[in-house]
Amino acid sequence: MDNGLTNDEYDALGQIAKGQKTARLSACVARNAKRLSGLKLAAYGKDGSLSLTEKGQQTLFIKNCIDGLRAVATDPHAPLDSTVVTFLRKKAHIDVDAGGGFALTERGRETLADIDAQK
């Protein structure tokens, strides 16, 4: 699912997901809109607004899960989105530790190692 997106493009996806507050796109979104729509991660509506496609939502969610795994690896009490926690616990990548934080499971450590090996 790696589209070779840059951090700037991921930021633009996040801003699109939050929705536009004004009719004008932010500089980050405007810079990356053409590529994101070309990759079918974002789509223009009939009114000219930009929104995430299902593929865009999945890509952003996967990035949030990977970032969550990395955060837990460095800080067991790192704040995580509830949907990310639910997904990572369901897939047995993290577990609740005795101190009330999270701990990576063996499967979570293997997943992070695989992701880092692909870079």
N, C-alpha and C. Protein backbone atom coordinates (compact mmCIF):
# COMPACT_ATOMS: atom_id res chain seq x y z
N MET A 1 0.81 -1.18 0.00
CA MET A 1 0.00 0.00 0.00
C MET A 1 0.86 1.25 0.00
N ASP A 2 2.16 1.09 -0.12
CA ASP A 2 3.07 2.22 -0.11
C ASP A 2 3.01 2.93 -1.45
N ASN A 3 2.59 4.18 -1.41
CA ASN A 3 2.52 5.00 -2.61
C ASN A 3 3.74 5.90 -2.73
N GLY A 4 4.69 5.75 -1.83
CA GLY A 4 5.86 6.61 -1.84
C GLY A 4 5.50 8.04 -1.49
N LEU A 5 4.55 8.23 -0.59
CA LEU A 5 4.12 9.57 -0.21
C LEU A 5 5.15 10.24 0.68
N THR A 6 5.29 11.53 0.52
CA THR A 6 6.18 12.31 1.37
C THR A 6 5.42 12.73 2.63
N ASN A 7 6.16 13.24 3.61
CA ASN A 7 5.51 13.72 4.82
C ASN A 7 4.55 14.87 4.50
N ASP A 8 4.93 15.71 3.55
CA ASP A 8 4.08 16.83 3.14
C ASP A 8 2.76 16.31 2.56
N GLU A 9 2.83 15.25 1.77
CA GLU A 9 1.62 14.68 1.19
C GLU A 9 0.74 14.03 2.26
N TYR A 10 1.36 13.38 3.25
CA TYR A 10 0.59 12.83 4.37
C TYR A 10 -0.07 13.95 5.17
N ASP A 11 0.64 15.07 5.36
CA ASP A 11 0.06 16.21 6.05
C ASP A 11 -1.15 16.74 5.29
N ALA A 12 -1.02 16.79 3.97
CA ALA A 12 -2.14 17.26 3.14
C ALA A 12 -3.33 16.31 3.28
N LEU A 13 -3.09 15.01 3.31
CA LEU A 13 -4.18 14.04 3.51
C LEU A 13 -4.87 14.29 4.84
N GLY A 14 -4.09 14.53 5.88
CA GLY A 14 -4.66 14.80 7.19
C GLY A 14 -5.50 16.06 7.19
N GLN A 15 -5.04 17.10 6.50
CA GLN A 15 -5.80 18.35 6.43
C GLN A 15 -7.09 18.16 5.63
N ILE A 16 -7.03 17.37 4.58
CA ILE A 16 -8.23 17.10 3.79
C ILE A 16 -9.23 16.31 4.64
N ALA A 17 -8.73 15.36 5.43
CA ALA A 17 -9.61 14.55 6.28
C ALA A 17 -10.34 15.42 7.30
N LYS A 18 -9.67 16.44 7.81
CA LYS A 18 -10.30 17.33 8.80
C LYS A 18 -11.36 18.21 8.18
N GLY A 19 -11.26 18.42 6.88
CA GLY A 19 -12.24 19.25 6.18
C GLY A 19 -11.76 20.68 6.02
N GLN A 20 -12.30 21.33 5.03
CA GLN A 20 -11.94 22.70 4.73
C GLN A 20 -12.77 23.66 5.58
N LYS A 21 -12.11 24.64 6.16
CA LYS A 21 -12.82 25.64 6.93
C LYS A 21 -13.19 26.84 6.06
N THR A 22 -12.44 27.02 4.99
CA THR A 22 -12.70 28.12 4.07
C THR A 22 -12.78 27.57 2.65
N ALA A 23 -13.17 28.41 1.73
CA ALA A 23 -13.27 27.98 0.34
C ALA A 23 -11.89 27.80 -0.29
N ARG A 24 -10.90 28.44 0.31
CA ARG A 24 -9.54 28.38 -0.23
C ARG A 24 -8.76 27.24 0.42
N LEU A 25 -8.02 26.49 -0.39
CA LEU A 25 -7.21 25.39 0.11
C LEU A 25 -5.96 25.93 0.80
N SER A 26 -5.47 25.20 1.79
CA SER A 26 -4.21 25.59 2.41
C SER A 26 -3.09 25.38 1.40
N ALA A 27 -1.96 26.01 1.64
CA ALA A 27 -0.82 25.89 0.73
C ALA A 27 -0.37 24.43 0.60
N CYS A 28 -0.37 23.72 1.70
CA CYS A 28 0.05 22.31 1.69
C CYS A 28 -0.89 21.47 0.83
N VAL A 29 -2.18 21.67 1.00
CA VAL A 29 -3.16 20.89 0.23
C VAL A 29 -3.08 21.28 -1.24
N ALA A 30 -2.99 22.56 -1.52
CA ALA A 30 -2.92 23.02 -2.92
C ALA A 30 -1.69 22.46 -3.63
N ARG A 31 -0.57 22.39 -2.92
CA ARG A 31 0.67 21.87 -3.49
C ARG A 31 0.56 20.39 -3.86
N ASN A 32 -0.22 19.65 -3.09
CA ASN A 32 -0.25 18.19 -3.24
C ASN A 32 -1.54 17.64 -3.82
N ALA A 33 -2.53 18.48 -4.07
CA ALA A 33 -3.85 18.01 -4.50
C ALA A 33 -3.79 17.23 -5.81
N LYS A 34 -3.02 17.70 -6.77
CA LYS A 34 -2.98 17.03 -8.07
C LYS A 34 -2.44 15.60 -7.95
N ARG A 35 -1.35 15.42 -7.22
CA ARG A 35 -0.77 14.09 -7.06
C ARG A 35 -1.71 13.18 -6.25
N LEU A 36 -2.29 13.71 -5.19
CA LEU A 36 -3.18 12.90 -4.36
C LEU A 36 -4.43 12.48 -5.11
N SER A 37 -4.95 13.37 -5.93
CA SER A 37 -6.12 12.98 -6.73
C SER A 37 -5.72 12.02 -7.84
N GLY A 38 -4.53 12.16 -8.36
CA GLY A 38 -4.03 11.23 -9.38
C GLY A 38 -3.83 9.83 -8.83
N LEU A 39 -3.44 9.74 -7.57
CA LEU A 39 -3.28 8.44 -6.91
C LEU A 39 -4.61 7.90 -6.36
N LYS A 40 -5.69 8.63 -6.60
CA LYS A 40 -7.03 8.26 -6.15
C LYS A 40 -7.14 8.24 -4.62
N LEU A 41 -6.35 9.11 -3.95
CA LEU A 41 -6.43 9.23 -2.51
C LEU A 41 -7.37 10.37 -2.11
N ALA A 42 -7.58 11.30 -3.02
CA ALA A 42 -8.49 12.43 -2.80
C ALA A 42 -9.28 12.65 -4.09
N ALA A 43 -10.44 13.27 -3.94
CA ALA A 43 -11.29 13.53 -5.10
C ALA A 43 -11.97 14.88 -4.94
N TYR A 44 -12.16 15.53 -6.05
CA TYR A 44 -12.88 16.80 -6.07
C TYR A 44 -14.37 16.54 -6.19
N GLY A 45 -15.16 17.28 -5.42
CA GLY A 45 -16.61 17.20 -5.52
C GLY A 45 -17.11 18.14 -6.61
N LYS A 46 -18.39 18.06 -6.89
CA LYS A 46 -18.97 18.93 -7.91
C LYS A 46 -18.88 20.40 -7.54
N ASP A 47 -18.83 20.67 -6.24
CA ASP A 47 -18.73 22.05 -5.79
C ASP A 47 -17.28 22.53 -5.69
N GLY A 48 -16.34 21.68 -6.08
CA GLY A 48 -14.93 22.06 -6.07
C GLY A 48 -14.21 21.72 -4.77
N SER A 49 -14.95 21.17 -3.81
CA SER A 49 -14.32 20.80 -2.54
C SER A 49 -13.51 19.52 -2.72
N LEU A 50 -12.52 19.36 -1.88
CA LEU A 50 -11.64 18.20 -1.93
C LEU A 50 -11.94 17.31 -0.74
N SER A 51 -12.08 16.01 -0.98
CA SER A 51 -12.35 15.07 0.11
C SER A 51 -11.53 13.81 -0.11
N LEU A 52 -11.37 13.06 0.97
CA LEU A 52 -10.63 11.80 0.88
C LEU A 52 -11.50 10.71 0.27
N THR A 53 -10.88 9.87 -0.51
CA THR A 53 -11.55 8.68 -1.01
C THR A 53 -11.39 7.59 0.05
N GLU A 54 -12.01 6.46 -0.18
CA GLU A 54 -11.85 5.34 0.76
C GLU A 54 -10.39 4.90 0.81
N LYS A 55 -9.74 4.89 -0.33
CA LYS A 55 -8.32 4.53 -0.38
C LYS A 55 -7.49 5.53 0.41
N GLY A 56 -7.83 6.80 0.34
CA GLY A 56 -7.14 7.83 1.10
C GLY A 56 -7.33 7.66 2.59
N GLN A 57 -8.55 7.33 3.00
CA GLN A 57 -8.84 7.09 4.41
C GLN A 57 -8.05 5.90 4.94
N GLN A 58 -7.98 4.84 4.14
CA GLN A 58 -7.22 3.65 4.55
C GLN A 58 -5.73 3.96 4.66
N THR A 59 -5.21 4.71 3.70
CA THR A 59 -3.79 5.07 3.71
C THR A 59 -3.46 5.89 4.95
N LEU A 60 -4.29 6.85 5.26
CA LEU A 60 -4.08 7.69 6.44
C LEU A 60 -4.19 6.88 7.72
N PHE A 61 -5.15 5.94 7.78
CA PHE A 61 -5.31 5.10 8.95
C PHE A 61 -4.09 4.20 9.16
N ILE A 62 -3.59 3.62 8.10
CA ILE A 62 -2.41 2.76 8.21
C ILE A 62 -1.21 3.56 8.71
N LYS A 63 -1.04 4.77 8.19
CA LYS A 63 0.06 5.62 8.66
C LYS A 63 -0.11 5.92 10.14
N ASN A 64 -1.34 6.22 10.57
CA ASN A 64 -1.59 6.48 11.99
C ASN A 64 -1.29 5.26 12.85
N CYS A 65 -1.58 4.07 12.36
CA CYS A 65 -1.28 2.84 13.10
C CYS A 65 0.22 2.63 13.21
N ILE A 66 0.94 2.85 12.12
CA ILE A 66 2.40 2.69 12.15
C ILE A 66 3.01 3.72 13.09
N ASP A 67 2.54 4.96 13.01
CA ASP A 67 3.02 6.00 13.92
C ASP A 67 2.70 5.64 15.37
N GLY A 68 1.54 5.03 15.60
CA GLY A 68 1.15 4.59 16.93
C GLY A 68 2.08 3.50 17.46
N LEU A 69 2.43 2.55 16.61
CA LEU A 69 3.37 1.50 17.02
C LEU A 69 4.72 2.10 17.40
N ARG A 70 5.19 3.04 16.59
CA ARG A 70 6.48 3.69 16.88
C ARG A 70 6.40 4.50 18.17
N ALA A 71 5.28 5.16 18.40
CA ALA A 71 5.11 5.95 19.62
C ALA A 71 5.13 5.05 20.86
N VAL A 72 4.44 3.92 20.80
CA VAL A 72 4.40 3.00 21.93
C VAL A 72 5.78 2.39 22.17
N ALA A 73 6.53 2.17 21.10
CA ALA A 73 7.88 1.61 21.24
C ALA A 73 8.79 2.55 22.02
N THR A 74 8.57 3.86 21.88
CA THR A 74 9.42 4.82 22.59
C THR A 74 8.83 5.28 23.92
N ASP A 75 7.49 5.35 24.01
CA ASP A 75 6.82 5.82 25.22
C ASP A 75 5.53 5.04 25.44
N PRO A 76 5.49 4.18 26.47
CA PRO A 76 4.29 3.37 26.72
C PRO A 76 3.04 4.19 27.02
N HIS A 77 3.21 5.44 27.42
CA HIS A 77 2.07 6.29 27.76
C HIS A 77 1.78 7.31 26.66
N ALA A 78 2.25 7.04 25.47
CA ALA A 78 2.01 7.95 24.34
C ALA A 78 0.52 8.00 24.05
N PRO A 79 -0.01 9.20 23.77
CA PRO A 79 -1.44 9.29 23.45
C PRO A 79 -1.73 8.72 22.06
N LEU A 80 -2.74 7.87 22.00
CA LEU A 80 -3.12 7.24 20.74
C LEU A 80 -4.61 7.45 20.51
N ASP A 81 -4.98 7.56 19.25
CA ASP A 81 -6.39 7.66 18.87
C ASP A 81 -7.09 6.36 19.25
N SER A 82 -8.33 6.47 19.68
CA SER A 82 -9.06 5.28 20.15
C SER A 82 -9.23 4.23 19.05
N THR A 83 -9.43 4.66 17.79
CA THR A 83 -9.59 3.68 16.71
C THR A 83 -8.27 2.95 16.45
N VAL A 84 -7.16 3.66 16.61
CA VAL A 84 -5.84 3.04 16.43
C VAL A 84 -5.60 2.02 17.54
N VAL A 85 -5.93 2.39 18.78
CA VAL A 85 -5.76 1.46 19.91
C VAL A 85 -6.61 0.21 19.69
N THR A 86 -7.84 0.40 19.31
CA THR A 86 -8.74 -0.74 19.08
C THR A 86 -8.18 -1.67 18.02
N PHE A 87 -7.73 -1.09 16.90
CA PHE A 87 -7.20 -1.90 15.81
C PHE A 87 -5.92 -2.64 16.23
N LEU A 88 -4.99 -1.93 16.85
CA LEU A 88 -3.71 -2.55 17.23
C LEU A 88 -3.90 -3.62 18.30
N ARG A 89 -4.83 -3.42 19.21
CA ARG A 89 -5.10 -4.45 20.22
C ARG A 89 -5.80 -5.66 19.59
N LYS A 90 -6.73 -5.39 18.67
CA LYS A 90 -7.45 -6.47 18.00
C LYS A 90 -6.50 -7.34 17.18
N LYS A 91 -5.50 -6.72 16.58
CA LYS A 91 -4.52 -7.44 15.77
C LYS A 91 -3.33 -7.93 16.59
N ALA A 92 -3.39 -7.77 17.92
CA ALA A 92 -2.38 -8.26 18.86
C ALA A 92 -1.00 -7.63 18.62
N HIS A 93 -0.99 -6.35 18.29
CA HIS A 93 0.28 -5.63 18.13
C HIS A 93 0.68 -4.90 19.40
N ILE A 94 -0.31 -4.51 20.21
CA ILE A 94 -0.05 -3.88 21.50
C ILE A 94 -0.94 -4.53 22.54
N ASP A 95 -0.53 -4.35 23.80
CA ASP A 95 -1.32 -4.83 24.91
C ASP A 95 -1.19 -3.82 26.04
N VAL A 96 -2.12 -3.82 26.96
CA VAL A 96 -2.07 -2.92 28.10
C VAL A 96 -1.04 -3.46 29.09
N ASP A 97 -0.13 -2.58 29.55
CA ASP A 97 0.85 -3.04 30.53
C ASP A 97 0.36 -2.74 31.95
N ALA A 98 1.10 -3.16 32.93
CA ALA A 98 0.69 -3.02 34.33
C ALA A 98 0.59 -1.57 34.76
N GLY A 99 1.34 -0.68 34.15
CA GLY A 99 1.35 0.72 34.53
C GLY A 99 0.24 1.54 33.90
N GLY A 100 -0.65 0.92 33.15
CA GLY A 100 -1.75 1.64 32.53
C GLY A 100 -1.43 2.15 31.13
N GLY A 101 -0.22 1.94 30.68
CA GLY A 101 0.15 2.33 29.32
C GLY A 101 0.01 1.16 28.38
N PHE A 102 0.72 1.23 27.28
CA PHE A 102 0.70 0.15 26.30
C PHE A 102 2.09 -0.44 26.14
N ALA A 103 2.14 -1.68 25.74
CA ALA A 103 3.41 -2.34 25.46
C ALA A 103 3.28 -3.06 24.12
N LEU A 104 4.37 -3.04 23.36
CA LEU A 104 4.39 -3.78 22.10
C LEU A 104 4.45 -5.26 22.39
N THR A 105 3.70 -6.03 21.66
CA THR A 105 3.80 -7.48 21.75
C THR A 105 4.91 -7.93 20.81
N GLU A 106 5.22 -9.19 20.84
CA GLU A 106 6.23 -9.73 19.93
C GLU A 106 5.82 -9.49 18.48
N ARG A 107 4.54 -9.68 18.22
CA ARG A 107 4.02 -9.45 16.87
C ARG A 107 4.18 -7.98 16.46
N GLY A 108 3.95 -7.06 17.38
CA GLY A 108 4.12 -5.64 17.12
C GLY A 108 5.56 -5.30 16.80
N ARG A 109 6.50 -5.89 17.56
CA ARG A 109 7.93 -5.65 17.30
C ARG A 109 8.34 -6.21 15.93
N GLU A 110 7.82 -7.38 15.59
CA GLU A 110 8.12 -7.97 14.28
C GLU A 110 7.57 -7.10 13.15
N THR A 111 6.37 -6.59 13.34
CA THR A 111 5.76 -5.73 12.32
C THR A 111 6.59 -4.47 12.11
N LEU A 112 7.00 -3.84 13.20
CA LEU A 112 7.85 -2.64 13.08
C LEU A 112 9.17 -2.97 12.39
N ALA A 113 9.75 -4.10 12.71
CA ALA A 113 11.01 -4.51 12.09
C ALA A 113 10.81 -4.73 10.59
N ASP A 114 9.69 -5.33 10.20
CA ASP A 114 9.39 -5.54 8.78
C ASP A 114 9.21 -4.22 8.06
N ILE A 115 8.50 -3.30 8.68
CA ILE A 115 8.26 -1.99 8.07
C ILE A 115 9.58 -1.25 7.89
N ASP A 116 10.42 -1.27 8.91
CA ASP A 116 11.71 -0.59 8.82
C ASP A 116 12.63 -1.24 7.80
N ALA A 117 12.51 -2.55 7.62
CA ALA A 117 13.34 -3.26 6.65
C ALA A 117 12.96 -2.91 5.21
N GLN A 118 11.70 -2.50 5.00
CA GLN A 118 11.24 -2.16 3.66
C GLN A 118 11.71 -0.80 3.20
N LYS A 119 12.14 0.04 4.12
CA LYS A 119 12.56 1.40 3.75
C LYS A 119 13.89 1.44 3.13
